[in-house]
Amino acid sequence: MASAPVFGIRQIAVTAITAGLCLPLALFAIILVPIPGLPAASGFWIPAGFYFVMTLWFGVWGALGGHIATTIAMGYFFGYTLHIWMDGGLGDFIAPIVALVIFKLLRANPELKEKRDYAVWIVSVMIASLVCGLWVHTVHLLFGIITWPFWWVGVLTYFIGDTLAILIVGTPLLKTLTEYVKQSPMYIWK
């Protein structure tokens, strides 16, 4: 019996839907809560709440959609180099994968049925946000995009802004929609 394809129209659709949903949210977040002195930064990264959830549901394809949305959103702002687009986009690809790996290793349930599931969700989001904040702002620092004092500001605001957005936006999505999404053949927790 043949196994399902690893890459096909369904994977493209999940990635496209995630990117299409997250792109306007990324633009809105950058405009709504900008952080002066940090390129394309937001104090409340709304799309992360969606692409983290899409990654928990659909794996790497949800993370790829978040990466594409972030990269394109940052590309609309005059003066931002390809380095900034790709660094932020790569960070937004890495972060939900980190959360997914933690979730899988600790065998948490994306439906958030038990207190343990909530605890794993919160801890995985915090770890992923910190890892990504460190990644993005260390690369910016090493390339001379920001100075040392802004590195601290960047890491802290990234950690707080992403963590809050993911928990505020993502938690109700996981709690209310996972039951329906798990009927999809693309759902990775079967």
N, C-alpha and C. Protein backbone atom coordinates (compact mmCIF):
# COMPACT_ATOMS: atom_id res chain seq x y z
N MET A 1 0.84 -1.17 0.00
CA MET A 1 0.00 0.00 0.00
C MET A 1 0.89 1.24 0.00
N ALA A 2 0.58 2.19 -0.87
CA ALA A 2 1.38 3.41 -0.99
C ALA A 2 1.08 4.36 0.17
N SER A 3 2.13 5.03 0.62
CA SER A 3 1.94 6.01 1.70
C SER A 3 1.60 7.37 1.10
N ALA A 4 1.04 8.23 1.93
CA ALA A 4 0.65 9.57 1.49
C ALA A 4 1.89 10.35 1.07
N PRO A 5 1.75 11.22 0.08
CA PRO A 5 2.90 12.00 -0.36
C PRO A 5 3.36 12.97 0.73
N VAL A 6 4.67 13.15 0.80
CA VAL A 6 5.24 14.07 1.78
C VAL A 6 5.03 15.51 1.33
N PHE A 7 5.01 15.71 0.03
CA PHE A 7 4.82 17.05 -0.52
C PHE A 7 3.80 16.98 -1.64
N GLY A 8 2.77 17.77 -1.54
CA GLY A 8 1.74 17.78 -2.57
C GLY A 8 0.84 18.98 -2.42
N ILE A 9 -0.30 18.91 -3.05
CA ILE A 9 -1.23 20.04 -3.08
C ILE A 9 -1.74 20.39 -1.69
N ARG A 10 -1.94 19.41 -0.84
CA ARG A 10 -2.43 19.70 0.52
C ARG A 10 -1.40 20.50 1.31
N GLN A 11 -0.14 20.12 1.19
CA GLN A 11 0.91 20.83 1.91
C GLN A 11 1.04 22.26 1.39
N ILE A 12 0.94 22.41 0.08
CA ILE A 12 0.98 23.75 -0.52
C ILE A 12 -0.21 24.57 -0.02
N ALA A 13 -1.38 23.95 0.05
CA ALA A 13 -2.58 24.66 0.51
C ALA A 13 -2.44 25.12 1.96
N VAL A 14 -1.94 24.25 2.84
CA VAL A 14 -1.76 24.64 4.25
C VAL A 14 -0.78 25.80 4.35
N THR A 15 0.32 25.71 3.61
CA THR A 15 1.32 26.78 3.63
C THR A 15 0.72 28.08 3.09
N ALA A 16 0.00 28.00 1.99
CA ALA A 16 -0.60 29.20 1.39
C ALA A 16 -1.66 29.82 2.29
N ILE A 17 -2.49 29.00 2.89
CA ILE A 17 -3.53 29.52 3.79
C ILE A 17 -2.89 30.20 4.99
N THR A 18 -1.88 29.57 5.56
CA THR A 18 -1.19 30.16 6.71
C THR A 18 -0.54 31.48 6.32
N ALA A 19 0.16 31.50 5.19
CA ALA A 19 0.81 32.73 4.74
C ALA A 19 -0.22 33.81 4.43
N GLY A 20 -1.30 33.43 3.76
CA GLY A 20 -2.34 34.40 3.41
C GLY A 20 -3.03 34.99 4.62
N LEU A 21 -3.20 34.20 5.65
CA LEU A 21 -3.81 34.68 6.89
C LEU A 21 -2.82 35.55 7.67
N CYS A 22 -1.57 35.14 7.73
CA CYS A 22 -0.59 35.82 8.56
C CYS A 22 -0.01 37.09 7.94
N LEU A 23 0.01 37.19 6.62
CA LEU A 23 0.61 38.37 5.98
C LEU A 23 -0.07 39.67 6.40
N PRO A 24 -1.39 39.82 6.26
CA PRO A 24 -1.99 41.09 6.70
C PRO A 24 -1.86 41.30 8.21
N LEU A 25 -1.87 40.22 8.97
CA LEU A 25 -1.69 40.35 10.42
C LEU A 25 -0.28 40.83 10.76
N ALA A 26 0.71 40.39 10.00
CA ALA A 26 2.09 40.84 10.22
C ALA A 26 2.21 42.34 9.92
N LEU A 27 1.64 42.76 8.80
CA LEU A 27 1.67 44.19 8.48
C LEU A 27 0.97 45.00 9.55
N PHE A 28 -0.19 44.53 9.98
CA PHE A 28 -0.96 45.21 11.01
C PHE A 28 -0.17 45.28 12.32
N ALA A 29 0.49 44.20 12.71
CA ALA A 29 1.25 44.17 13.96
C ALA A 29 2.43 45.13 13.93
N ILE A 30 3.11 45.21 12.79
CA ILE A 30 4.26 46.12 12.67
C ILE A 30 3.79 47.57 12.76
N ILE A 31 2.64 47.86 12.17
CA ILE A 31 2.10 49.23 12.19
C ILE A 31 1.47 49.54 13.55
N LEU A 32 0.75 48.59 14.12
CA LEU A 32 0.00 48.81 15.36
C LEU A 32 0.90 48.99 16.58
N VAL A 33 1.91 48.14 16.73
CA VAL A 33 2.76 48.18 17.93
C VAL A 33 4.24 48.16 17.50
N PRO A 34 4.70 49.23 16.84
CA PRO A 34 6.11 49.25 16.43
C PRO A 34 7.03 49.46 17.64
N ILE A 35 8.25 49.02 17.49
CA ILE A 35 9.26 49.24 18.53
C ILE A 35 10.35 50.12 17.92
N PRO A 36 10.39 51.39 18.32
CA PRO A 36 11.38 52.31 17.74
C PRO A 36 12.81 51.79 17.91
N GLY A 37 13.59 51.90 16.83
CA GLY A 37 14.98 51.47 16.86
C GLY A 37 15.21 50.04 16.45
N LEU A 38 14.14 49.28 16.31
CA LEU A 38 14.26 47.88 15.90
C LEU A 38 13.52 47.68 14.58
N PRO A 39 14.23 47.24 13.54
CA PRO A 39 13.60 47.12 12.23
C PRO A 39 12.49 46.06 12.19
N ALA A 40 11.34 46.47 11.68
CA ALA A 40 10.19 45.58 11.45
C ALA A 40 9.76 44.84 12.71
N ALA A 41 9.96 45.45 13.87
CA ALA A 41 9.62 44.79 15.13
C ALA A 41 8.25 45.25 15.62
N SER A 42 7.60 44.37 16.33
CA SER A 42 6.30 44.66 16.92
C SER A 42 6.29 44.16 18.36
N GLY A 43 5.64 44.91 19.22
CA GLY A 43 5.53 44.51 20.62
C GLY A 43 4.43 43.49 20.86
N PHE A 44 3.68 43.16 19.80
CA PHE A 44 2.59 42.17 19.92
C PHE A 44 2.44 41.52 18.55
N TRP A 45 3.18 40.44 18.32
CA TRP A 45 3.28 39.82 16.99
C TRP A 45 2.08 38.89 16.76
N ILE A 46 0.98 39.47 16.34
CA ILE A 46 -0.30 38.78 16.17
C ILE A 46 -0.21 37.52 15.31
N PRO A 47 0.47 37.56 14.16
CA PRO A 47 0.47 36.35 13.32
C PRO A 47 1.08 35.13 13.98
N ALA A 48 1.95 35.33 14.95
CA ALA A 48 2.56 34.17 15.62
C ALA A 48 1.51 33.28 16.27
N GLY A 49 0.46 33.90 16.79
CA GLY A 49 -0.62 33.11 17.39
C GLY A 49 -1.24 32.15 16.40
N PHE A 50 -1.27 32.55 15.13
CA PHE A 50 -1.86 31.70 14.10
C PHE A 50 -0.86 30.68 13.57
N TYR A 51 0.37 31.12 13.24
CA TYR A 51 1.28 30.13 12.65
C TYR A 51 1.82 29.14 13.67
N PHE A 52 1.84 29.48 14.95
CA PHE A 52 2.18 28.47 15.97
C PHE A 52 1.11 27.38 15.99
N VAL A 53 -0.15 27.79 15.98
CA VAL A 53 -1.26 26.83 15.99
C VAL A 53 -1.24 25.99 14.71
N MET A 54 -1.06 26.64 13.57
CA MET A 54 -1.02 25.90 12.30
C MET A 54 0.14 24.90 12.29
N THR A 55 1.24 25.24 12.94
CA THR A 55 2.37 24.32 13.03
C THR A 55 2.05 23.14 13.94
N LEU A 56 1.37 23.39 15.05
CA LEU A 56 0.97 22.27 15.91
C LEU A 56 0.00 21.35 15.19
N TRP A 57 -0.85 21.92 14.36
CA TRP A 57 -1.83 21.10 13.64
C TRP A 57 -1.22 20.39 12.42
N PHE A 58 -0.41 21.12 11.64
CA PHE A 58 0.02 20.63 10.33
C PHE A 58 1.53 20.51 10.16
N GLY A 59 2.28 20.69 11.22
CA GLY A 59 3.72 20.51 11.14
C GLY A 59 4.44 21.63 10.42
N VAL A 60 5.52 21.26 9.76
CA VAL A 60 6.42 22.22 9.12
C VAL A 60 5.69 23.13 8.13
N TRP A 61 4.58 22.69 7.57
CA TRP A 61 3.87 23.48 6.56
C TRP A 61 3.25 24.73 7.17
N GLY A 62 2.80 24.66 8.40
CA GLY A 62 2.30 25.84 9.09
C GLY A 62 3.43 26.82 9.38
N ALA A 63 4.57 26.29 9.81
CA ALA A 63 5.74 27.13 10.09
C ALA A 63 6.23 27.80 8.81
N LEU A 64 6.22 27.08 7.71
CA LEU A 64 6.65 27.65 6.43
C LEU A 64 5.74 28.79 6.01
N GLY A 65 4.45 28.66 6.24
CA GLY A 65 3.52 29.76 5.94
C GLY A 65 3.82 30.99 6.77
N GLY A 66 4.14 30.80 8.05
CA GLY A 66 4.52 31.93 8.90
C GLY A 66 5.80 32.59 8.42
N HIS A 67 6.76 31.78 7.99
CA HIS A 67 8.03 32.29 7.45
C HIS A 67 7.78 33.14 6.21
N ILE A 68 6.97 32.63 5.30
CA ILE A 68 6.68 33.36 4.06
C ILE A 68 5.98 34.68 4.38
N ALA A 69 4.99 34.65 5.25
CA ALA A 69 4.24 35.87 5.60
C ALA A 69 5.16 36.92 6.22
N THR A 70 5.99 36.51 7.15
CA THR A 70 6.90 37.45 7.81
C THR A 70 7.89 38.03 6.81
N THR A 71 8.45 37.19 5.97
CA THR A 71 9.43 37.64 4.99
C THR A 71 8.81 38.65 4.04
N ILE A 72 7.63 38.38 3.53
CA ILE A 72 6.96 39.30 2.61
C ILE A 72 6.56 40.58 3.33
N ALA A 73 6.02 40.48 4.54
CA ALA A 73 5.57 41.66 5.28
C ALA A 73 6.73 42.62 5.51
N MET A 74 7.88 42.09 5.88
CA MET A 74 9.03 42.95 6.13
C MET A 74 9.57 43.53 4.83
N GLY A 75 9.30 42.87 3.72
CA GLY A 75 9.76 43.37 2.44
C GLY A 75 9.03 44.61 1.97
N TYR A 76 7.86 44.89 2.53
CA TYR A 76 7.09 46.06 2.13
C TYR A 76 7.62 47.35 2.72
N PHE A 77 8.49 47.28 3.69
CA PHE A 77 8.96 48.48 4.36
C PHE A 77 10.25 48.96 3.73
N PHE A 78 10.23 50.16 3.20
CA PHE A 78 11.37 50.75 2.50
C PHE A 78 12.60 50.77 3.40
N GLY A 79 13.73 50.40 2.85
CA GLY A 79 14.98 50.48 3.56
C GLY A 79 15.38 49.20 4.27
N TYR A 80 14.50 48.24 4.39
CA TYR A 80 14.88 46.98 5.04
C TYR A 80 15.55 46.08 4.01
N THR A 81 16.71 45.63 4.38
CA THR A 81 17.48 44.80 3.47
C THR A 81 16.95 43.37 3.46
N LEU A 82 17.37 42.63 2.47
CA LEU A 82 16.99 41.22 2.37
C LEU A 82 17.41 40.47 3.64
N HIS A 83 18.54 40.87 4.21
CA HIS A 83 19.01 40.24 5.45
C HIS A 83 17.95 40.34 6.54
N ILE A 84 17.36 41.51 6.71
CA ILE A 84 16.35 41.70 7.76
C ILE A 84 15.12 40.85 7.46
N TRP A 85 14.70 40.82 6.21
CA TRP A 85 13.53 40.02 5.86
C TRP A 85 13.78 38.55 6.18
N MET A 86 14.93 38.07 5.73
CA MET A 86 15.21 36.64 5.88
C MET A 86 15.48 36.26 7.34
N ASP A 87 16.15 37.14 8.07
CA ASP A 87 16.43 36.86 9.48
C ASP A 87 15.13 36.75 10.27
N GLY A 88 14.26 37.72 10.11
CA GLY A 88 12.97 37.67 10.80
C GLY A 88 12.13 36.50 10.34
N GLY A 89 12.12 36.27 9.04
CA GLY A 89 11.36 35.15 8.49
C GLY A 89 11.88 33.81 8.97
N LEU A 90 13.21 33.67 9.01
CA LEU A 90 13.79 32.42 9.48
C LEU A 90 13.49 32.22 10.97
N GLY A 91 13.56 33.30 11.73
CA GLY A 91 13.21 33.21 13.15
C GLY A 91 11.78 32.76 13.34
N ASP A 92 10.89 33.28 12.49
CA ASP A 92 9.48 32.91 12.59
C ASP A 92 9.20 31.52 12.02
N PHE A 93 10.17 30.92 11.39
CA PHE A 93 10.08 29.52 10.99
C PHE A 93 10.59 28.62 12.13
N ILE A 94 11.68 29.04 12.75
CA ILE A 94 12.30 28.25 13.81
C ILE A 94 11.40 28.16 15.05
N ALA A 95 10.83 29.28 15.46
CA ALA A 95 10.09 29.33 16.74
C ALA A 95 8.96 28.31 16.83
N PRO A 96 8.04 28.25 15.86
CA PRO A 96 6.97 27.26 16.02
C PRO A 96 7.45 25.82 15.93
N ILE A 97 8.56 25.60 15.21
CA ILE A 97 9.14 24.25 15.15
C ILE A 97 9.67 23.87 16.54
N VAL A 98 10.30 24.82 17.23
CA VAL A 98 10.78 24.56 18.60
C VAL A 98 9.60 24.17 19.49
N ALA A 99 8.51 24.93 19.41
CA ALA A 99 7.32 24.62 20.22
C ALA A 99 6.75 23.25 19.86
N LEU A 100 6.71 22.94 18.57
CA LEU A 100 6.20 21.65 18.12
C LEU A 100 7.05 20.50 18.67
N VAL A 101 8.35 20.65 18.60
CA VAL A 101 9.25 19.59 19.10
C VAL A 101 9.03 19.38 20.60
N ILE A 102 8.93 20.46 21.35
CA ILE A 102 8.68 20.34 22.80
C ILE A 102 7.34 19.65 23.03
N PHE A 103 6.31 20.07 22.30
CA PHE A 103 4.98 19.48 22.44
C PHE A 103 5.02 17.98 22.16
N LYS A 104 5.71 17.60 21.08
CA LYS A 104 5.80 16.18 20.71
C LYS A 104 6.60 15.38 21.74
N LEU A 105 7.74 15.92 22.16
CA LEU A 105 8.57 15.21 23.13
C LEU A 105 7.85 14.98 24.45
N LEU A 106 7.06 15.95 24.86
CA LEU A 106 6.35 15.83 26.13
C LEU A 106 4.95 15.23 25.97
N ARG A 107 4.62 14.84 24.74
CA ARG A 107 3.36 14.17 24.44
C ARG A 107 2.13 14.94 24.95
N ALA A 108 2.16 16.24 24.73
CA ALA A 108 1.02 17.07 25.12
C ALA A 108 -0.07 16.97 24.05
N ASN A 109 -1.27 17.30 24.42
CA ASN A 109 -2.42 17.23 23.52
C ASN A 109 -2.76 18.64 23.03
N PRO A 110 -2.75 18.88 21.70
CA PRO A 110 -3.09 20.21 21.19
C PRO A 110 -4.51 20.67 21.51
N GLU A 111 -5.37 19.75 21.92
CA GLU A 111 -6.72 20.16 22.33
C GLU A 111 -6.73 20.80 23.71
N LEU A 112 -5.59 20.77 24.38
CA LEU A 112 -5.44 21.37 25.72
C LEU A 112 -6.51 20.86 26.67
N LYS A 113 -6.59 19.55 26.77
CA LYS A 113 -7.62 18.92 27.60
C LYS A 113 -7.27 18.89 29.08
N GLU A 114 -5.99 18.87 29.40
CA GLU A 114 -5.58 18.77 30.80
C GLU A 114 -4.69 19.95 31.18
N LYS A 115 -4.53 20.15 32.48
CA LYS A 115 -3.66 21.23 32.97
C LYS A 115 -2.23 21.03 32.46
N ARG A 116 -1.81 19.79 32.36
CA ARG A 116 -0.46 19.50 31.86
C ARG A 116 -0.30 20.00 30.43
N ASP A 117 -1.33 19.83 29.60
CA ASP A 117 -1.28 20.30 28.21
C ASP A 117 -1.12 21.82 28.17
N TYR A 118 -1.87 22.50 29.03
CA TYR A 118 -1.74 23.97 29.12
C TYR A 118 -0.33 24.36 29.56
N ALA A 119 0.20 23.65 30.55
CA ALA A 119 1.54 23.95 31.05
C ALA A 119 2.58 23.76 29.95
N VAL A 120 2.48 22.66 29.21
CA VAL A 120 3.42 22.41 28.11
C VAL A 120 3.27 23.48 27.04
N TRP A 121 2.05 23.87 26.72
CA TRP A 121 1.79 24.93 25.74
C TRP A 121 2.48 26.22 26.18
N ILE A 122 2.25 26.63 27.41
CA ILE A 122 2.82 27.89 27.90
C ILE A 122 4.35 27.83 27.91
N VAL A 123 4.91 26.76 28.43
CA VAL A 123 6.37 26.63 28.50
C VAL A 123 6.97 26.55 27.10
N SER A 124 6.36 25.79 26.20
CA SER A 124 6.90 25.66 24.84
C SER A 124 6.86 27.00 24.11
N VAL A 125 5.82 27.76 24.32
CA VAL A 125 5.71 29.09 23.69
C VAL A 125 6.80 30.01 24.24
N MET A 126 7.00 29.99 25.54
CA MET A 126 8.01 30.85 26.15
C MET A 126 9.42 30.48 25.68
N ILE A 127 9.72 29.20 25.65
CA ILE A 127 11.04 28.76 25.19
C ILE A 127 11.23 29.13 23.72
N ALA A 128 10.23 28.85 22.90
CA ALA A 128 10.33 29.16 21.46
C ALA A 128 10.49 30.65 21.23
N SER A 129 9.75 31.47 21.95
CA SER A 129 9.85 32.92 21.80
C SER A 129 11.22 33.43 22.22
N LEU A 130 11.76 32.87 23.28
CA LEU A 130 13.10 33.28 23.72
C LEU A 130 14.16 32.85 22.71
N VAL A 131 14.09 31.62 22.24
CA VAL A 131 15.05 31.14 21.24
C VAL A 131 15.00 32.02 20.00
N CYS A 132 13.81 32.32 19.54
CA CYS A 132 13.68 33.13 18.33
C CYS A 132 14.14 34.57 18.57
N GLY A 133 13.78 35.14 19.71
CA GLY A 133 14.23 36.50 20.02
C GLY A 133 15.74 36.59 20.08
N LEU A 134 16.37 35.59 20.69
CA LEU A 134 17.83 35.55 20.73
C LEU A 134 18.41 35.42 19.33
N TRP A 135 17.83 34.54 18.52
CA TRP A 135 18.30 34.35 17.15
C TRP A 135 18.23 35.65 16.35
N VAL A 136 17.05 36.21 16.26
CA VAL A 136 16.83 37.38 15.40
C VAL A 136 17.72 38.54 15.83
N HIS A 137 17.75 38.84 17.10
CA HIS A 137 18.47 40.04 17.53
C HIS A 137 19.97 39.82 17.63
N THR A 138 20.41 38.60 17.82
CA THR A 138 21.85 38.33 17.76
C THR A 138 22.35 38.47 16.32
N VAL A 139 21.60 37.96 15.37
CA VAL A 139 21.98 38.14 13.96
C VAL A 139 21.98 39.62 13.60
N HIS A 140 20.96 40.36 14.03
CA HIS A 140 20.93 41.81 13.77
C HIS A 140 22.16 42.49 14.39
N LEU A 141 22.51 42.11 15.59
CA LEU A 141 23.67 42.70 16.27
C LEU A 141 24.96 42.37 15.51
N LEU A 142 25.13 41.12 15.13
CA LEU A 142 26.35 40.70 14.44
C LEU A 142 26.51 41.37 13.07
N PHE A 143 25.40 41.69 12.42
CA PHE A 143 25.46 42.35 11.13
C PHE A 143 25.43 43.87 11.25
N GLY A 144 25.43 44.39 12.47
CA GLY A 144 25.47 45.83 12.67
C GLY A 144 24.14 46.54 12.43
N ILE A 145 23.05 45.81 12.40
CA ILE A 145 21.73 46.40 12.18
C ILE A 145 21.27 47.13 13.44
N ILE A 146 21.59 46.56 14.60
CA ILE A 146 21.26 47.18 15.88
C ILE A 146 22.53 47.25 16.74
N THR A 147 22.47 48.06 17.78
CA THR A 147 23.59 48.17 18.71
C THR A 147 23.30 47.31 19.94
N TRP A 148 24.33 47.14 20.77
CA TRP A 148 24.20 46.30 21.95
C TRP A 148 23.02 46.69 22.84
N PRO A 149 22.81 47.98 23.17
CA PRO A 149 21.66 48.31 24.03
C PRO A 149 20.32 47.88 23.40
N PHE A 150 20.22 47.97 22.09
CA PHE A 150 18.98 47.56 21.44
C PHE A 150 18.84 46.04 21.36
N TRP A 151 19.95 45.32 21.49
CA TRP A 151 19.86 43.86 21.52
C TRP A 151 19.01 43.44 22.70
N TRP A 152 19.29 43.99 23.87
CA TRP A 152 18.52 43.65 25.08
C TRP A 152 17.06 44.02 24.91
N VAL A 153 16.82 45.22 24.39
CA VAL A 153 15.44 45.67 24.16
C VAL A 153 14.76 44.73 23.18
N GLY A 154 15.47 44.38 22.11
CA GLY A 154 14.90 43.50 21.10
C GLY A 154 14.54 42.12 21.63
N VAL A 155 15.47 41.52 22.35
CA VAL A 155 15.21 40.17 22.89
C VAL A 155 14.05 40.21 23.86
N LEU A 156 14.04 41.19 24.75
CA LEU A 156 12.98 41.28 25.75
C LEU A 156 11.62 41.55 25.12
N THR A 157 11.56 42.52 24.20
CA THR A 157 10.26 42.82 23.57
C THR A 157 9.80 41.69 22.67
N TYR A 158 10.74 41.01 22.03
CA TYR A 158 10.38 39.86 21.20
C TYR A 158 9.78 38.77 22.08
N PHE A 159 10.46 38.48 23.17
CA PHE A 159 9.99 37.44 24.08
C PHE A 159 8.60 37.78 24.62
N ILE A 160 8.43 38.98 25.12
CA ILE A 160 7.15 39.38 25.71
C ILE A 160 6.07 39.48 24.63
N GLY A 161 6.37 40.19 23.54
CA GLY A 161 5.37 40.42 22.49
C GLY A 161 4.91 39.16 21.80
N ASP A 162 5.84 38.27 21.51
CA ASP A 162 5.47 37.01 20.87
C ASP A 162 4.73 36.09 21.85
N THR A 163 5.27 35.98 23.06
CA THR A 163 4.64 35.09 24.04
C THR A 163 3.20 35.50 24.30
N LEU A 164 2.97 36.79 24.55
CA LEU A 164 1.61 37.25 24.82
C LEU A 164 0.69 37.03 23.62
N ALA A 165 1.17 37.39 22.42
CA ALA A 165 0.33 37.23 21.23
C ALA A 165 -0.01 35.76 20.99
N ILE A 166 0.97 34.90 21.13
CA ILE A 166 0.74 33.47 20.88
C ILE A 166 -0.24 32.91 21.90
N LEU A 167 -0.06 33.25 23.15
CA LEU A 167 -0.95 32.71 24.18
C LEU A 167 -2.35 33.31 24.08
N ILE A 168 -2.46 34.60 23.81
CA ILE A 168 -3.78 35.25 23.73
C ILE A 168 -4.53 34.83 22.48
N VAL A 169 -3.85 34.74 21.35
CA VAL A 169 -4.50 34.37 20.09
C VAL A 169 -4.56 32.85 19.92
N GLY A 170 -3.46 32.18 20.21
CA GLY A 170 -3.36 30.75 19.93
C GLY A 170 -4.12 29.84 20.86
N THR A 171 -4.19 30.19 22.13
CA THR A 171 -4.85 29.31 23.10
C THR A 171 -6.32 29.07 22.76
N PRO A 172 -7.11 30.12 22.51
CA PRO A 172 -8.51 29.84 22.15
C PRO A 172 -8.66 29.08 20.83
N LEU A 173 -7.74 29.32 19.89
CA LEU A 173 -7.79 28.57 18.63
C LEU A 173 -7.57 27.08 18.88
N LEU A 174 -6.54 26.76 19.64
CA LEU A 174 -6.28 25.35 19.95
C LEU A 174 -7.44 24.73 20.70
N LYS A 175 -7.94 25.43 21.70
CA LYS A 175 -8.98 24.89 22.56
C LYS A 175 -10.29 24.66 21.80
N THR A 176 -10.65 25.57 20.90
CA THR A 176 -11.96 25.47 20.24
C THR A 176 -11.93 24.77 18.88
N LEU A 177 -10.82 24.84 18.16
CA LEU A 177 -10.83 24.34 16.78
C LEU A 177 -10.09 23.02 16.57
N THR A 178 -9.23 22.62 17.49
CA THR A 178 -8.46 21.39 17.28
C THR A 178 -9.37 20.19 17.09
N GLU A 179 -10.46 20.15 17.80
CA GLU A 179 -11.42 19.04 17.68
C GLU A 179 -11.88 18.86 16.23
N TYR A 180 -12.05 19.96 15.52
CA TYR A 180 -12.51 19.91 14.12
C TYR A 180 -11.34 19.71 13.16
N VAL A 181 -10.23 20.37 13.44
CA VAL A 181 -9.07 20.29 12.56
C VAL A 181 -8.49 18.87 12.54
N LYS A 182 -8.59 18.15 13.65
CA LYS A 182 -7.99 16.82 13.69
C LYS A 182 -8.68 15.83 12.75
N GLN A 183 -9.79 16.21 12.17
CA GLN A 183 -10.45 15.38 11.16
C GLN A 183 -9.76 15.49 9.80
N SER A 184 -8.89 16.48 9.65
CA SER A 184 -8.18 16.69 8.40
C SER A 184 -7.13 15.60 8.20
N PRO A 185 -6.95 15.15 6.96
CA PRO A 185 -5.88 14.17 6.70
C PRO A 185 -4.48 14.77 6.90
N MET A 186 -4.40 16.09 6.99
CA MET A 186 -3.11 16.76 7.18
C MET A 186 -2.73 16.88 8.66
N TYR A 187 -3.65 16.62 9.55
CA TYR A 187 -3.41 16.75 10.99
C TYR A 187 -2.32 15.77 11.40
N ILE A 188 -1.30 16.23 12.13
CA ILE A 188 -0.11 15.42 12.37
C ILE A 188 -0.13 14.60 13.66
N TRP A 189 -1.20 14.64 14.42
CA TRP A 189 -1.23 13.97 15.73
C TRP A 189 -2.00 12.65 15.71
N LYS A 190 -2.25 12.07 14.58
CA LYS A 190 -3.05 10.83 14.50
C LYS A 190 -2.26 9.63 14.95
